[in-house]
PDB file of N, CA and C in Angstrom:
ATOM      1  N   MET A   1      11.862-137.589  63.815  1.00  0.00           N
ATOM      2  CA  MET A   1      10.789-136.622  63.650  1.00  0.00           C
ATOM      3  C   MET A   1      10.191-136.310  65.027  1.00  0.00           C
ATOM      4  N   THR A   2       9.896-135.045  65.262  1.00  0.00           N
ATOM      5  CA  THR A   2       9.316-134.660  66.552  1.00  0.00           C
ATOM      6  C   THR A   2       7.806-134.653  66.454  1.00  0.00           C
ATOM      7  N   LYS A   3       7.186-134.833  67.594  1.00  0.00           N
ATOM      8  CA  LYS A   3       5.727-134.819  67.643  1.00  0.00           C
ATOM      9  C   LYS A   3       5.225-133.388  67.437  1.00  0.00           C
ATOM     10  N   SER A   4       4.056-133.236  66.836  1.00  0.00           N
ATOM     11  CA  SER A   4       3.521-131.902  66.544  1.00  0.00           C
ATOM     12  C   SER A   4       2.964-131.231  67.800  1.00  0.00           C
ATOM     13  N   ASN A   5       2.761-131.973  68.873  1.00  0.00           N
ATOM     14  CA  ASN A   5       2.202-131.382  70.091  1.00  0.00           C
ATOM     15  C   ASN A   5       3.282-131.021  71.113  1.00  0.00           C
ATOM     16  N   ASP A   6       4.548-131.155  70.768  1.00  0.00           N
ATOM     17  CA  ASP A   6       5.631-130.741  71.664  1.00  0.00           C
ATOM     18  C   ASP A   6       5.695-129.222  71.704  1.00  0.00           C
ATOM     19  N   VAL A   7       6.070-128.699  72.877  1.00  0.00           N
ATOM     20  CA  VAL A   7       6.157-127.251  73.059  1.00  0.00           C
ATOM     21  C   VAL A   7       7.598-126.893  73.364  1.00  0.00           C
ATOM     22  N   ASP A   8       8.087-125.847  72.704  1.00  0.00           N
ATOM     23  CA  ASP A   8       9.426-125.350  72.983  1.00  0.00           C
ATOM     24  C   ASP A   8       9.379-124.651  74.348  1.00  0.00           C
ATOM     25  N   VAL A   9      10.155-125.140  75.283  1.00  0.00           N
ATOM     26  CA  VAL A   9      10.152-124.606  76.646  1.00  0.00           C
ATOM     27  C   VAL A   9      10.552-123.132  76.656  1.00  0.00           C
ATOM     28  N   ASN A  10      11.504-122.756  75.832  1.00  0.00           N
ATOM     29  CA  ASN A  10      11.924-121.355  75.785  1.00  0.00           C
ATOM     30  C   ASN A  10      10.785-120.453  75.325  1.00  0.00           C
ATOM     31  N   ALA A  11      10.027-120.905  74.329  1.00  0.00           N
ATOM     32  CA  ALA A  11       8.879-120.120  73.851  1.00  0.00           C
ATOM     33  C   ALA A  11       7.823-120.030  74.949  1.00  0.00           C
ATOM     34  N   LEU A  12       7.613-121.124  75.640  1.00  0.00           N
ATOM     35  CA  LEU A  12       6.637-121.150  76.738  1.00  0.00           C
ATOM     36  C   LEU A  12       7.038-120.170  77.843  1.00  0.00           C
ATOM     37  N   ILE A  13       8.296-120.190  78.215  1.00  0.00           N
ATOM     38  CA  ILE A  13       8.791-119.289  79.272  1.00  0.00           C
ATOM     39  C   ILE A  13       8.681-117.836  78.825  1.00  0.00           C
ATOM     40  N   LYS A  14       9.008-117.563  77.576  1.00  0.00           N
ATOM     41  CA  LYS A  14       8.930-116.203  77.058  1.00  0.00           C
ATOM     42  C   LYS A  14       7.492-115.683  77.116  1.00  0.00           C
ATOM     43  N   ILE A  15       6.549-116.477  76.651  1.00  0.00           N
ATOM     44  CA  ILE A  15       5.139-116.074  76.672  1.00  0.00           C
ATOM     45  C   ILE A  15       4.650-115.921  78.107  1.00  0.00           C
ATOM     46  N   TYR A  16       5.035-116.851  78.968  1.00  0.00           N
ATOM     47  CA  TYR A  16       4.642-116.796  80.383  1.00  0.00           C
ATOM     48  C   TYR A  16       5.146-115.496  81.015  1.00  0.00           C
ATOM     49  N   ASN A  17       6.396-115.162  80.788  1.00  0.00           N
ATOM     50  CA  ASN A  17       6.963-113.941  81.365  1.00  0.00           C
ATOM     51  C   ASN A  17       6.272-112.692  80.834  1.00  0.00           C
ATOM     52  N   GLN A  18       5.928-112.688  79.549  1.00  0.00           N
ATOM     53  CA  GLN A  18       5.213-111.540  78.970  1.00  0.00           C
ATOM     54  C   GLN A  18       3.846-111.369  79.627  1.00  0.00           C
ATOM     55  N   LYS A  19       3.144-112.474  79.805  1.00  0.00           N
ATOM     56  CA  LYS A  19       1.806-112.421  80.414  1.00  0.00           C
ATOM     57  C   LYS A  19       1.901-111.947  81.867  1.00  0.00           C
ATOM     58  N   ILE A  20       2.854-112.477  82.605  1.00  0.00           N
ATOM     59  CA  ILE A  20       3.030-112.070  84.010  1.00  0.00           C
ATOM     60  C   ILE A  20       3.374-110.590  84.083  1.00  0.00           C
ATOM     61  N   SER A  21       4.238-110.128  83.204  1.00  0.00           N
ATOM     62  CA  SER A  21       4.623-108.721  83.175  1.00  0.00           C
ATOM     63  C   SER A  21       3.417-107.838  82.880  1.00  0.00           C
ATOM     64  N   THR A  22       2.623-108.221  81.896  1.00  0.00           N
ATOM     65  CA  THR A  22       1.431-107.454  81.539  1.00  0.00           C
ATOM     66  C   THR A  22       0.452-107.400  82.706  1.00  0.00           C
ATOM     67  N   LEU A  23       0.203-108.536  83.320  1.00  0.00           N
ATOM     68  CA  LEU A  23      -0.736-108.583  84.445  1.00  0.00           C
ATOM     69  C   LEU A  23      -0.220-107.796  85.643  1.00  0.00           C
ATOM     70  N   THR A  24       1.076-107.856  85.887  1.00  0.00           N
ATOM     71  CA  THR A  24       1.660-107.092  86.989  1.00  0.00           C
ATOM     72  C   THR A  24       1.514-105.601  86.744  1.00  0.00           C
ATOM     73  N   ASN A  25       1.797-105.176  85.510  1.00  0.00           N
ATOM     74  CA  ASN A  25       1.654-103.758  85.183  1.00  0.00           C
ATOM     75  C   ASN A  25       0.206-103.296  85.311  1.00  0.00           C
ATOM     76  N   GLN A  26      -0.731-104.117  84.873  1.00  0.00           N
ATOM     77  CA  GLN A  26      -2.147-103.777  85.003  1.00  0.00           C
ATOM     78  C   GLN A  26      -2.539-103.684  86.476  1.00  0.00           C
ATOM     79  N   ASN A  27      -2.028-104.598  87.281  1.00  0.00           N
ATOM     80  CA  ASN A  27      -2.329-104.602  88.706  1.00  0.00           C
ATOM     81  C   ASN A  27      -1.800-103.332  89.380  1.00  0.00           C
ATOM     82  N   ILE A  28      -0.587-102.950  89.034  1.00  0.00           N
ATOM     83  CA  ILE A  28       0.008-101.738  89.611  1.00  0.00           C
ATOM     84  C   ILE A  28      -0.803-100.516  89.202  1.00  0.00           C
ATOM     85  N   LEU A  29      -1.213-100.447  87.948  1.00  0.00           N
ATOM     86  CA  LEU A  29      -2.015 -99.327  87.473  1.00  0.00           C
ATOM     87  C   LEU A  29      -3.352 -99.265  88.212  1.00  0.00           C
ATOM     88  N   LEU A  30      -3.995-100.410  88.382  1.00  0.00           N
ATOM     89  CA  LEU A  30      -5.275-100.440  89.097  1.00  0.00           C
ATOM     90  C   LEU A  30      -5.103-100.048  90.564  1.00  0.00           C
ATOM     91  N   GLU A  31      -4.021-100.463  91.189  1.00  0.00           N
ATOM     92  CA  GLU A  31      -3.759-100.069  92.577  1.00  0.00           C
ATOM     93  C   GLU A  31      -3.559 -98.560  92.682  1.00  0.00           C
ATOM     94  N   ALA A  32      -2.861 -97.978  91.715  1.00  0.00           N
ATOM     95  CA  ALA A  32      -2.650 -96.532  91.715  1.00  0.00           C
ATOM     96  C   ALA A  32      -3.969 -95.795  91.516  1.00  0.00           C
ATOM     97  N   LYS A  33      -4.807 -96.297  90.606  1.00  0.00           N
ATOM     98  CA  LYS A  33      -6.117 -95.684  90.390  1.00  0.00           C
ATOM     99  C   LYS A  33      -6.969 -95.774  91.653  1.00  0.00           C
ATOM    100  N   LEU A  34      -6.948 -96.919  92.304  1.00  0.00           N
ATOM    101  CA  LEU A  34      -7.709 -97.100  93.535  1.00  0.00           C
ATOM    102  C   LEU A  34      -7.231 -96.144  94.619  1.00  0.00           C
ATOM    103  N   GLN A  35      -5.927 -96.019  94.767  1.00  0.00           N
ATOM    104  CA  GLN A  35      -5.368 -95.109  95.765  1.00  0.00           C
ATOM    105  C   GLN A  35      -5.766 -93.671  95.459  1.00  0.00           C
ATOM    106  N   THR A  36      -5.784 -93.295  94.183  1.00  0.00           N
ATOM    107  CA  THR A  36      -6.199 -91.957  93.783  1.00  0.00           C
ATOM    108  C   THR A  36      -7.666 -91.717  94.132  1.00  0.00           C
ATOM    109  N   ILE A  37      -8.503 -92.698  93.849  1.00  0.00           N
ATOM    110  CA  ILE A  37      -9.931 -92.573  94.157  1.00  0.00           C
ATOM    111  C   ILE A  37     -10.148 -92.453  95.658  1.00  0.00           C
ATOM    112  N   VAL A  38      -9.446 -93.248  96.429  1.00  0.00           N
ATOM    113  CA  VAL A  38      -9.575 -93.184  97.881  1.00  0.00           C
ATOM    114  C   VAL A  38      -9.141 -91.817  98.399  1.00  0.00           C
ATOM    115  N   GLN A  39      -8.023 -91.304  97.896  1.00  0.00           N
ATOM    116  CA  GLN A  39      -7.546 -89.987  98.336  1.00  0.00           C
ATOM    117  C   GLN A  39      -8.523 -88.883  97.931  1.00  0.00           C
ATOM    118  N   ASP A  40      -9.054 -88.966  96.710  1.00  0.00           N
ATOM    119  CA  ASP A  40     -10.046 -87.989  96.260  1.00  0.00           C
ATOM    120  C   ASP A  40     -11.275 -88.019  97.159  1.00  0.00           C
ATOM    121  N   ASN A  41     -11.685 -89.221  97.546  1.00  0.00           N
ATOM    122  CA  ASN A  41     -12.833 -89.366  98.432  1.00  0.00           C
ATOM    123  C   ASN A  41     -12.554 -88.750  99.800  1.00  0.00           C
ATOM    124  N   LEU A  42     -11.369 -88.987 100.334  1.00  0.00           N
ATOM    125  CA  LEU A  42     -11.007 -88.403 101.622  1.00  0.00           C
ATOM    126  C   LEU A  42     -10.970 -86.881 101.549  1.00  0.00           C
ATOM    127  N   ASP A  43     -10.436 -86.350 100.455  1.00  0.00           N
ATOM    128  CA  ASP A  43     -10.406 -84.899 100.269  1.00  0.00           C
ATOM    129  C   ASP A  43     -11.817 -84.328 100.204  1.00  0.00           C
ATOM    130  N   ALA A  44     -12.707 -85.006  99.478  1.00  0.00           N
ATOM    131  CA  ALA A  44     -14.091 -84.552  99.365  1.00  0.00           C
ATOM    132  C   ALA A  44     -14.779 -84.590 100.730  1.00  0.00           C
ATOM    133  N   GLN A  45     -14.508 -85.630 101.518  1.00  0.00           N
ATOM    134  CA  GLN A  45     -15.084 -85.719 102.860  1.00  0.00           C
ATOM    135  C   GLN A  45     -14.617 -84.562 103.732  1.00  0.00           C
ATOM    136  N   LYS A  46     -13.334 -84.227 103.649  1.00  0.00           N
ATOM    137  CA  LYS A  46     -12.804 -83.107 104.426  1.00  0.00           C
ATOM    138  C   LYS A  46     -13.462 -81.802 104.017  1.00  0.00           C
ATOM    139  N   GLU A  47     -13.641 -81.599 102.703  1.00  0.00           N
ATOM    140  CA  GLU A  47     -14.287 -80.387 102.213  1.00  0.00           C
ATOM    141  C   GLU A  47     -15.732 -80.301 102.707  1.00  0.00           C
ATOM    142  N   LEU A  48     -16.459 -81.412 102.640  1.00  0.00           N
ATOM    143  CA  LEU A  48     -17.838 -81.430 103.115  1.00  0.00           C
ATOM    144  C   LEU A  48     -17.917 -81.167 104.615  1.00  0.00           C
ATOM    145  N   LEU A  49     -16.993 -81.725 105.365  1.00  0.00           N
ATOM    146  CA  LEU A  49     -16.980 -81.501 106.807  1.00  0.00           C
ATOM    147  C   LEU A  49     -16.703 -80.039 107.118  1.00  0.00           C
ATOM    148  N   ALA A  50     -15.769 -79.435 106.393  1.00  0.00           N
ATOM    149  CA  ALA A  50     -15.463 -78.017 106.599  1.00  0.00           C
ATOM    150  C   ALA A  50     -16.677 -77.160 106.246  1.00  0.00           C
ATOM    151  N   GLU A  51     -17.354 -77.497 105.157  1.00  0.00           N
ATOM    152  CA  GLU A  51     -18.548 -76.754 104.760  1.00  0.00           C
ATOM    153  C   GLU A  51     -19.657 -76.921 105.799  1.00  0.00           C
ATOM    154  N   LYS A  52     -19.797 -78.130 106.309  1.00  0.00           N
ATOM    155  CA  LYS A  52     -20.808 -78.393 107.342  1.00  0.00           C
ATOM    156  C   LYS A  52     -20.522 -77.562 108.585  1.00  0.00           C
ATOM    157  N   MET A  53     -19.260 -77.516 108.985  1.00  0.00           N
ATOM    158  CA  MET A  53     -18.890 -76.742 110.171  1.00  0.00           C
ATOM    159  C   MET A  53     -19.193 -75.257 109.950  1.00  0.00           C
ATOM    160  N   GLU A  54     -18.886 -74.768 108.762  1.00  0.00           N
ATOM    161  CA  GLU A  54     -19.140 -73.363 108.440  1.00  0.00           C
ATOM    162  C   GLU A  54     -20.635 -73.062 108.492  1.00  0.00           C
ATOM    163  N   LEU A  55     -21.441 -73.942 107.899  1.00  0.00           N
ATOM    164  CA  LEU A  55     -22.889 -73.756 107.909  1.00  0.00           C
ATOM    165  C   LEU A  55     -23.452 -73.875 109.328  1.00  0.00           C
ATOM    166  N   GLN A  56     -22.900 -74.783 110.112  1.00  0.00           N
ATOM    167  CA  GLN A  56     -23.344 -74.937 111.499  1.00  0.00           C
ATOM    168  C   GLN A  56     -23.061 -73.663 112.289  1.00  0.00           C
ATOM    169  N   GLU A  57     -21.897 -73.072 112.072  1.00  0.00           N
ATOM    170  CA  GLU A  57     -21.534 -71.841 112.763  1.00  0.00           C
ATOM    171  C   GLU A  57     -22.465 -70.697 112.352  1.00  0.00           C
ATOM    172  N   LYS A  58     -22.757 -70.597 111.050  1.00  0.00           N
ATOM    173  CA  LYS A  58     -23.687 -69.570 110.574  1.00  0.00           C
ATOM    174  C   LYS A  58     -25.067 -69.766 111.192  1.00  0.00           C
ATOM    175  N   TYR A  59     -25.507 -71.019 111.239  1.00  0.00           N
ATOM    176  CA  TYR A  59     -26.808 -71.330 111.827  1.00  0.00           C
ATOM    177  C   TYR A  59     -26.850 -70.917 113.293  1.00  0.00           C
ATOM    178  N   GLU A  60     -25.822 -71.247 114.029  1.00  0.00           N
ATOM    179  CA  GLU A  60     -25.783 -70.903 115.450  1.00  0.00           C
ATOM    180  C   GLU A  60     -25.750 -69.386 115.652  1.00  0.00           C
ATOM    181  N   ASN A  61     -25.030 -68.670 114.799  1.00  0.00           N
ATOM    182  CA  ASN A  61     -25.000 -67.208 114.886  1.00  0.00           C
ATOM    183  C   ASN A  61     -26.380 -66.617 114.604  1.00  0.00           C
ATOM    184  N   LEU A  62     -27.040 -67.115 113.559  1.00  0.00           N
ATOM    185  CA  LEU A  62     -28.381 -66.624 113.247  1.00  0.00           C
ATOM    186  C   LEU A  62     -29.367 -66.950 114.355  1.00  0.00           C
ATOM    187  N   LEU A  63     -29.236 -68.139 114.907  1.00  0.00           N
ATOM    188  CA  LEU A  63     -30.129 -68.550 115.984  1.00  0.00           C
ATOM    189  C   LEU A  63     -29.936 -67.655 117.205  1.00  0.00           C
ATOM    190  N   SER A  64     -28.720 -67.341 117.533  1.00  0.00           N
ATOM    191  CA  SER A  64     -28.459 -66.475 118.702  1.00  0.00           C
ATOM    192  C   SER A  64     -28.974 -65.055 118.445  1.00  0.00           C
ATOM    193  N   GLU A  65     -28.901 -64.584 117.184  1.00  0.00           N
ATOM    194  CA  GLU A  65     -29.446 -63.266 116.839  1.00  0.00           C
ATOM    195  C   GLU A  65     -30.960 -63.254 116.987  1.00  0.00           C
ATOM    196  N   VAL A  66     -31.608 -64.313 116.526  1.00  0.00           N
ATOM    197  CA  VAL A  66     -33.076 -64.396 116.609  1.00  0.00           C
ATOM    198  C   VAL A  66     -33.505 -64.490 118.068  1.00  0.00           C
ATOM    199  N   GLU A  67     -32.815 -65.272 118.855  1.00  0.00           N
ATOM    200  CA  GLU A  67     -33.167 -65.427 120.271  1.00  0.00           C
ATOM    201  C   GLU A  67     -32.884 -64.135 121.042  1.00  0.00           C
ATOM    202  N   GLY A  68     -31.907 -63.370 120.599  1.00  0.00           N
ATOM    203  CA  GLY A  68     -31.559 -62.112 121.261  1.00  0.00           C
ATOM    204  C   GLY A  68     -32.565 -61.013 121.020  1.00  0.00           C
ATOM    205  N   GLU A  69     -33.361 -61.141 119.966  1.00  0.00           N
ATOM    206  CA  GLU A  69     -34.339 -60.095 119.632  1.00  0.00           C
ATOM    207  C   GLU A  69     -35.593 -60.198 120.406  1.00  0.00           C
TER     208      GLU A  69
END
């Protein structure tokens, strides 16, 4: 008779591999989401910088017009 607390090694390995696979897939998904967020942030920064430059140029043009009068 076998003890009731014995574990089938094959079952243990199967469950272990499933858990590792699930965690690896979750990790890859989270890394992809993080990379997407970082890229979106960089794109937003570029857009804001371009808008700032445009507004700065408009400001300088208006300032030169006012000083010219």
